[in-house]
C-alpha atoms as a PDB file:
ATOM      1  CA  UNK A   1     -86.348 -57.101 -58.420  1.00  0.00           C
ATOM      2  CA  UNK A   2     -89.786 -58.612 -58.031  1.00  0.00           C
ATOM      3  CA  UNK A   3     -88.398 -61.939 -56.845  1.00  0.00           C
ATOM      4  CA  UNK A   4     -86.098 -60.232 -54.360  1.00  0.00           C
ATOM      5  CA  UNK A   5     -88.909 -58.224 -52.789  1.00  0.00           C
ATOM      6  CA  UNK A   6     -91.297 -61.171 -52.773  1.00  0.00           C
ATOM      7  CA  UNK A   7     -88.830 -63.413 -50.948  1.00  0.00           C
ATOM      8  CA  UNK A   8     -87.890 -60.838 -48.345  1.00  0.00           C
ATOM      9  CA  UNK A   9     -91.507 -60.129 -47.438  1.00  0.00           C
ATOM     10  CA  UNK A  10     -92.741 -63.725 -47.404  1.00  0.00           C
ATOM     11  CA  UNK A  11     -91.516 -66.572 -45.261  1.00  0.00           C
ATOM     12  CA  UNK A  12     -90.173 -69.772 -46.826  1.00  0.00           C
ATOM     13  CA  UNK A  13     -91.568 -69.664 -50.380  1.00  0.00           C
ATOM     14  CA  UNK A  14     -90.507 -71.337 -53.608  1.00  0.00           C
ATOM     15  CA  UNK A  15     -89.234 -69.309 -56.587  1.00  0.00           C
ATOM     16  CA  UNK A  16     -92.243 -70.356 -58.682  1.00  0.00           C
ATOM     17  CA  UNK A  17     -94.789 -68.998 -56.228  1.00  0.00           C
ATOM     18  CA  UNK A  18     -94.580 -65.403 -57.494  1.00  0.00           C
ATOM     19  CA  UNK A  19     -97.915 -64.545 -59.126  1.00  0.00           C
ATOM     20  CA  UNK A  20     -97.807 -63.959 -62.884  1.00  0.00           C
ATOM     21  CA  UNK A  21     -99.561 -60.609 -62.562  1.00  0.00           C
ATOM     22  CA  UNK A  22     -96.837 -59.329 -60.221  1.00  0.00           C
ATOM     23  CA  UNK A  23     -94.155 -60.143 -62.789  1.00  0.00           C
ATOM     24  CA  UNK A  24     -96.130 -58.378 -65.522  1.00  0.00           C
ATOM     25  CA  UNK A  25     -96.740 -55.283 -63.387  1.00  0.00           C
ATOM     26  CA  UNK A  26     -93.023 -55.075 -62.573  1.00  0.00           C
ATOM     27  CA  UNK A  27     -92.128 -55.345 -66.263  1.00  0.00           C
ATOM     28  CA  UNK A  28     -94.668 -52.693 -67.290  1.00  0.00           C
ATOM     29  CA  UNK A  29     -93.497 -50.251 -64.621  1.00  0.00           C
ATOM     30  CA  UNK A  30     -89.861 -50.816 -65.649  1.00  0.00           C
ATOM     31  CA  UNK A  31     -90.624 -50.146 -69.321  1.00  0.00           C
ATOM     32  CA  UNK A  32     -92.544 -46.990 -68.443  1.00  0.00           C
ATOM     33  CA  UNK A  33     -89.700 -45.678 -66.258  1.00  0.00           C
ATOM     34  CA  UNK A  34     -87.081 -46.335 -68.927  1.00  0.00           C
ATOM     35  CA  UNK A  35     -89.280 -44.675 -71.555  1.00  0.00           C
ATOM     36  CA  UNK A  36     -89.736 -41.584 -69.380  1.00  0.00           C
ATOM     37  CA  UNK A  37     -85.980 -41.370 -68.796  1.00  0.00           C
ATOM     38  CA  UNK A  38     -85.241 -41.692 -72.522  1.00  0.00           C
ATOM     39  CA  UNK A  39     -87.782 -39.008 -73.420  1.00  0.00           C
ATOM     40  CA  UNK A  40     -86.603 -36.619 -70.703  1.00  0.00           C
ATOM     41  CA  UNK A  41     -82.861 -36.996 -71.291  1.00  0.00           C
ATOM     42  CA  UNK A  42     -82.511 -34.445 -74.147  1.00  0.00           C
ATOM     43  CA  UNK A  43     -84.207 -31.727 -72.124  1.00  0.00           C
ATOM     44  CA  UNK A  44     -82.296 -32.486 -68.921  1.00  0.00           C
ATOM     45  CA  UNK A  45     -78.941 -31.496 -70.386  1.00  0.00           C
ATOM     46  CA  UNK A  46     -75.455 -32.925 -70.180  1.00  0.00           C
ATOM     47  CA  UNK A  47     -75.328 -33.097 -66.400  1.00  0.00           C
ATOM     48  CA  UNK A  48     -78.099 -35.704 -66.378  1.00  0.00           C
ATOM     49  CA  UNK A  49     -76.202 -37.799 -68.939  1.00  0.00           C
ATOM     50  CA  UNK A  50     -73.144 -37.737 -66.691  1.00  0.00           C
ATOM     51  CA  UNK A  51     -75.230 -38.788 -63.694  1.00  0.00           C
ATOM     52  CA  UNK A  52     -76.883 -41.639 -65.616  1.00  0.00           C
ATOM     53  CA  UNK A  53     -73.510 -42.852 -66.897  1.00  0.00           C
ATOM     54  CA  UNK A  54     -72.081 -42.746 -63.371  1.00  0.00           C
ATOM     55  CA  UNK A  55     -74.991 -44.811 -62.063  1.00  0.00           C
ATOM     56  CA  UNK A  56     -74.509 -47.366 -64.864  1.00  0.00           C
ATOM     57  CA  UNK A  57     -70.767 -47.677 -64.191  1.00  0.00           C
ATOM     58  CA  UNK A  58     -71.377 -48.062 -60.444  1.00  0.00           C
ATOM     59  CA  UNK A  59     -73.921 -50.802 -61.142  1.00  0.00           C
ATOM     60  CA  UNK A  60     -71.431 -52.669 -63.338  1.00  0.00           C
ATOM     61  CA  UNK A  61     -68.664 -52.356 -60.743  1.00  0.00           C
ATOM     62  CA  UNK A  62     -70.927 -53.570 -57.948  1.00  0.00           C
ATOM     63  CA  UNK A  63     -71.995 -56.545 -60.087  1.00  0.00           C
ATOM     64  CA  UNK A  64     -68.343 -57.436 -60.635  1.00  0.00           C
ATOM     65  CA  UNK A  65     -67.640 -57.124 -56.902  1.00  0.00           C
ATOM     66  CA  UNK A  66     -70.571 -59.382 -55.978  1.00  0.00           C
ATOM     67  CA  UNK A  67     -69.493 -61.979 -58.540  1.00  0.00           C
ATOM     68  CA  UNK A  68     -65.919 -61.875 -57.285  1.00  0.00           C
ATOM     69  CA  UNK A  69     -67.054 -62.298 -53.698  1.00  0.00           C
ATOM     70  CA  UNK A  70     -69.213 -65.282 -54.638  1.00  0.00           C
ATOM     71  CA  UNK A  71     -66.294 -66.820 -56.537  1.00  0.00           C
ATOM     72  CA  UNK A  72     -63.884 -66.315 -53.637  1.00  0.00           C
ATOM     73  CA  UNK A  73     -66.334 -67.923 -51.221  1.00  0.00           C
ATOM     74  CA  UNK A  74     -66.453 -71.024 -53.424  1.00  0.00           C
ATOM     75  CA  UNK A  75     -69.916 -70.487 -54.840  1.00  0.00           C
ATOM     76  CA  UNK A  76     -68.927 -71.742 -58.290  1.00  0.00           C
ATOM     77  CA  UNK A  77     -71.190 -74.743 -58.897  1.00  0.00           C
ATOM     78  CA  UNK A  78     -73.790 -73.534 -61.400  1.00  0.00           C
ATOM     79  CA  UNK A  79     -75.587 -76.882 -61.599  1.00  0.00           C
ATOM     80  CA  UNK A  80     -76.954 -76.665 -58.053  1.00  0.00           C
ATOM     81  CA  UNK A  81     -80.241 -74.782 -57.672  1.00  0.00           C
ATOM     82  CA  UNK A  82     -79.640 -71.686 -55.553  1.00  0.00           C
ATOM     83  CA  UNK A  83     -83.239 -71.142 -54.454  1.00  0.00           C
END
């Protein structure tokens, strides 16, 4: 996520130019958000569990669709650097 946002806001940068502190801040915020969700889930009830499961399934399906699209376009060479 950090790399995606960094590349869309900066012009013509290399993948290694993301500052180390930005990667650490992104990781810390992600861990805190997941921890809050895990702590809050029992008190949110079963409807929240259904919503979270739906979001997870949609994310997996979209990942499969993106991979299939890349494969159909001929983007199969994994030895070539993509950035």
